[in-house]
Protein backbone atom coordinates (compact mmCIF):
# COMPACT_ATOMS: atom_id res chain seq x y z
CA UNK A 1 21.70 -3.12 48.12
CA UNK A 2 24.14 -4.09 45.38
CA UNK A 3 24.65 -7.44 44.18
CA UNK A 4 28.10 -8.76 43.47
CA UNK A 5 28.86 -10.17 40.09
CA UNK A 6 29.02 -13.59 41.20
CA UNK A 7 25.56 -13.27 42.76
CA UNK A 8 24.20 -12.10 39.41
CA UNK A 9 25.96 -15.12 37.78
CA UNK A 10 24.65 -17.42 40.03
CA UNK A 11 20.88 -16.01 39.38
CA UNK A 12 21.39 -15.91 35.50
CA UNK A 13 22.70 -19.53 35.72
CA UNK A 14 19.75 -20.51 37.47
CA UNK A 15 17.63 -19.18 34.90
CA UNK A 16 19.23 -21.78 32.40
CA UNK A 17 18.99 -19.42 29.46
CA UNK A 18 21.70 -17.87 27.25
CA UNK A 19 22.51 -14.40 27.40
CA UNK A 20 21.53 -13.30 23.92
CA UNK A 21 18.56 -15.72 23.48
CA UNK A 22 16.01 -14.66 20.98
CA UNK A 23 12.66 -15.23 22.17
CA UNK A 24 11.31 -16.87 19.07
CA UNK A 25 7.57 -16.80 20.43
CA UNK A 26 7.59 -12.91 20.78
CA UNK A 27 9.53 -12.51 17.36
CA UNK A 28 6.79 -14.69 15.88
CA UNK A 29 4.05 -12.62 17.45
CA UNK A 30 5.92 -9.41 16.15
CA UNK A 31 5.99 -10.75 12.65
CA UNK A 32 2.38 -11.76 12.71
CA UNK A 33 1.50 -8.26 13.98
CA UNK A 34 3.37 -6.71 11.07
CA UNK A 35 1.90 -9.29 8.45
CA UNK A 36 -1.74 -8.52 9.87
CA UNK A 37 -1.16 -4.87 9.70
CA UNK A 38 0.04 -4.83 6.21
CA UNK A 39 -2.76 -7.54 5.07
CA UNK A 40 -5.38 -5.10 6.50
CA UNK A 41 -4.09 -2.06 4.78
CA UNK A 42 -3.71 -3.89 1.47
CA UNK A 43 -7.13 -5.36 1.67
CA UNK A 44 -8.40 -1.88 2.46
CA UNK A 45 -6.65 -0.07 -0.20
CA UNK A 46 -7.45 -2.60 -3.14
CA UNK A 47 -11.11 -2.51 -2.11
CA UNK A 48 -11.24 1.24 -2.10
CA UNK A 49 -9.41 1.48 -5.33
CA UNK A 50 -11.93 -1.09 -7.12
CA UNK A 51 -14.96 0.79 -5.53
CA UNK A 52 -13.62 4.43 -6.03
CA UNK A 53 -12.60 3.74 -9.79
CA UNK A 54 -15.77 1.88 -10.68
CA UNK A 55 -18.04 4.77 -8.83
CA UNK A 56 -16.15 7.31 -10.26
CA UNK A 57 -16.00 6.02 -13.85
CA UNK A 58 -19.85 5.30 -13.79
CA UNK A 59 -20.34 9.01 -12.49
CA UNK A 60 -18.21 10.56 -15.10
CA UNK A 61 -20.51 8.92 -17.69
CA UNK A 62 -23.87 9.18 -16.20
CA UNK A 63 -23.75 12.84 -14.67
CA UNK A 64 -22.77 14.86 -17.97
CA UNK A 65 -24.92 12.47 -20.06
CA UNK A 66 -27.65 15.20 -20.02
CA UNK A 67 -25.57 18.07 -20.92
CA UNK A 68 -25.28 18.83 -24.86
CA UNK A 69 -21.67 19.60 -24.81
CA UNK A 70 -19.79 16.69 -23.23
CA UNK A 71 -16.19 16.38 -23.44
CA UNK A 72 -14.55 13.12 -25.28
CA UNK A 73 -11.74 13.29 -22.33
CA UNK A 74 -14.50 12.51 -19.91
CA UNK A 75 -15.34 9.36 -21.60
CA UNK A 76 -11.65 8.19 -21.92
CA UNK A 77 -11.29 9.02 -18.17
CA UNK A 78 -14.38 6.57 -17.44
CA UNK A 79 -12.81 3.94 -19.64
CA UNK A 80 -9.39 4.59 -17.81
CA UNK A 81 -11.03 4.11 -14.42
CA UNK A 82 -12.54 1.17 -15.25
CA UNK A 83 -9.17 -0.46 -16.64
CA UNK A 84 -7.83 0.61 -13.21
CA UNK A 85 -10.39 -1.15 -11.43
CA UNK A 86 -9.89 -4.46 -13.42
CA UNK A 87 -6.12 -4.08 -12.89
CA UNK A 88 -6.42 -3.85 -9.06
CA UNK A 89 -8.87 -6.67 -8.98
CA UNK A 90 -6.72 -8.99 -11.16
CA UNK A 91 -3.55 -8.06 -8.97
CA UNK A 92 -5.71 -8.72 -5.85
CA UNK A 93 -6.66 -12.08 -6.96
CA UNK A 94 -3.11 -12.92 -7.80
CA UNK A 95 -2.02 -11.83 -4.32
CA UNK A 96 -4.59 -13.91 -2.84
CA UNK A 97 -3.78 -16.94 -4.67
CA UNK A 98 0.06 -16.34 -4.00
CA UNK A 99 -0.57 -16.16 -0.25
CA UNK A 100 -1.14 -20.25 0.05
CA UNK A 101 2.58 -20.68 -0.94
CA UNK A 102 4.08 -19.56 2.49
CA UNK A 103 4.59 -21.80 5.45
CA UNK A 104 3.08 -20.75 8.54
CA UNK A 105 6.48 -20.59 10.50
CA UNK A 106 8.57 -17.49 11.73
CA UNK A 107 10.39 -17.52 8.41
CA UNK A 108 7.35 -18.15 6.26
CA UNK A 109 5.27 -15.57 7.94
CA UNK A 110 8.05 -12.98 7.60
CA UNK A 111 8.51 -13.83 4.14
CA UNK A 112 4.76 -13.62 3.77
CA UNK A 113 4.76 -9.96 5.26
CA UNK A 114 7.78 -9.06 2.96
CA UNK A 115 5.67 -10.24 0.13
CA UNK A 116 2.84 -8.08 1.16
CA UNK A 117 4.95 -5.15 1.75
CA UNK A 118 6.56 -5.46 -1.77
CA UNK A 119 2.96 -5.68 -3.18
CA UNK A 120 2.05 -2.66 -1.31
CA UNK A 121 5.11 -0.38 -2.42
CA UNK A 122 4.25 -1.60 -6.19
CA UNK A 123 0.82 -0.75 -6.04
CA UNK A 124 1.48 2.73 -4.48
CA UNK A 125 4.01 3.30 -7.25
CA UNK A 126 1.45 2.38 -10.01
CA UNK A 127 -1.48 4.28 -8.32
CA UNK A 128 0.77 7.36 -7.98
CA UNK A 129 1.34 7.12 -11.80
CA UNK A 130 -2.17 6.38 -12.24
CA UNK A 131 -3.20 9.64 -10.42
CA UNK A 132 -1.16 11.54 -12.78
CA UNK A 133 -2.77 10.13 -15.94
CA UNK A 134 -6.35 10.73 -14.22
CA UNK A 135 -5.12 14.21 -13.53
CA UNK A 136 -4.31 14.88 -17.15
CA UNK A 137 -7.54 13.48 -18.46
CA UNK A 138 -9.23 15.68 -15.66
CA UNK A 139 -7.37 18.68 -16.63
CA UNK A 140 -8.28 18.03 -20.54
CA UNK A 141 -11.86 17.56 -19.86
CA UNK A 142 -12.17 20.70 -17.93
CA UNK A 143 -10.17 22.74 -20.54
CA UNK A 144 -12.19 20.95 -23.33
CA UNK A 145 -15.38 22.28 -21.56
CA UNK A 146 -14.36 25.84 -21.37
CA UNK A 147 -14.02 26.37 -17.72
CA UNK A 148 -12.41 29.40 -16.63
CA UNK A 149 -8.64 29.58 -15.95
CA UNK A 150 -8.77 29.81 -12.35
CA UNK A 151 -10.56 26.18 -12.29
CA UNK A 152 -7.95 24.57 -14.26
CA UNK A 153 -5.05 26.46 -11.82
CA UNK A 154 -6.94 25.03 -8.74
CA UNK A 155 -7.36 21.83 -10.22
CA UNK A 156 -3.57 21.62 -10.86
CA UNK A 157 -2.84 22.55 -7.34
CA UNK A 158 -4.98 19.86 -5.80
CA UNK A 159 -3.55 17.12 -8.07
CA UNK A 160 -0.13 18.03 -7.42
CA UNK A 161 -0.96 17.92 -3.71
CA UNK A 162 -2.39 14.46 -4.76
CA UNK A 163 0.77 13.37 -6.29
CA UNK A 164 3.08 14.27 -3.44
CA UNK A 165 0.75 12.50 -1.31
CA UNK A 166 0.95 9.53 -3.03
CA UNK A 167 4.98 10.06 -2.73
CA UNK A 168 4.55 10.10 1.00
CA UNK A 169 2.37 6.93 1.15
CA UNK A 170 4.96 5.16 -1.18
CA UNK A 171 7.95 6.29 1.04
CA UNK A 172 6.11 5.01 4.02
CA UNK A 173 5.38 1.69 2.67
CA UNK A 174 9.26 1.39 1.57
CA UNK A 175 10.42 2.01 5.00
CA UNK A 176 8.26 -0.67 6.54
CA UNK A 177 9.24 -3.12 3.58
CA UNK A 178 13.10 -2.35 4.61
CA UNK A 179 12.40 -3.15 8.26
CA UNK A 180 11.02 -6.43 7.08
CA UNK A 181 14.21 -7.07 4.84
CA UNK A 182 16.34 -6.33 7.56
CA UNK A 183 14.87 -8.35 9.83
CA UNK A 184 14.83 -11.22 7.36
CA UNK A 185 18.50 -10.65 6.89
CA UNK A 186 19.10 -11.05 10.69
CA UNK A 187 17.16 -14.27 11.04
CA UNK A 188 18.85 -15.89 8.00
CA UNK A 189 22.34 -15.33 9.21
């Protein structure tokens, strides 16, 4: 059964809604969902970075301590890991403190989600370059300890894969950030 245009117009008029109304409640739920996801990922990433750097730094000092010929680069690596863990911890505390400045409105939650997404992109970028520094220290330590050349080549391949995985992660966060920026631009118009 085909309805005439007039019948459709009467039904639409009876609903008393504009044709292109934004369902603000649904939009707010979407923003809260994106904010929650970004917050969870960021929270987990920060805790993992802190734990892994402290744990790896400690293991870099304790395990080779029994060997007579320990590379100085291993101790530099451990110190760098402690510095990285400290940096992530301070960044986390600043991020958590800054969360209090956002309103609990649609626009405020969207700006909060954008702030967390921006932080994720920056953290991924910094950790990607941090991986390059850690990789260099690891390679220097392995080279200094006199390991075979194939070990160094294998480590180079693994570190290159990790660097490109970090690039992929950073691009993923940048795409999510762009989505939020576009949504913010549409809402502010």
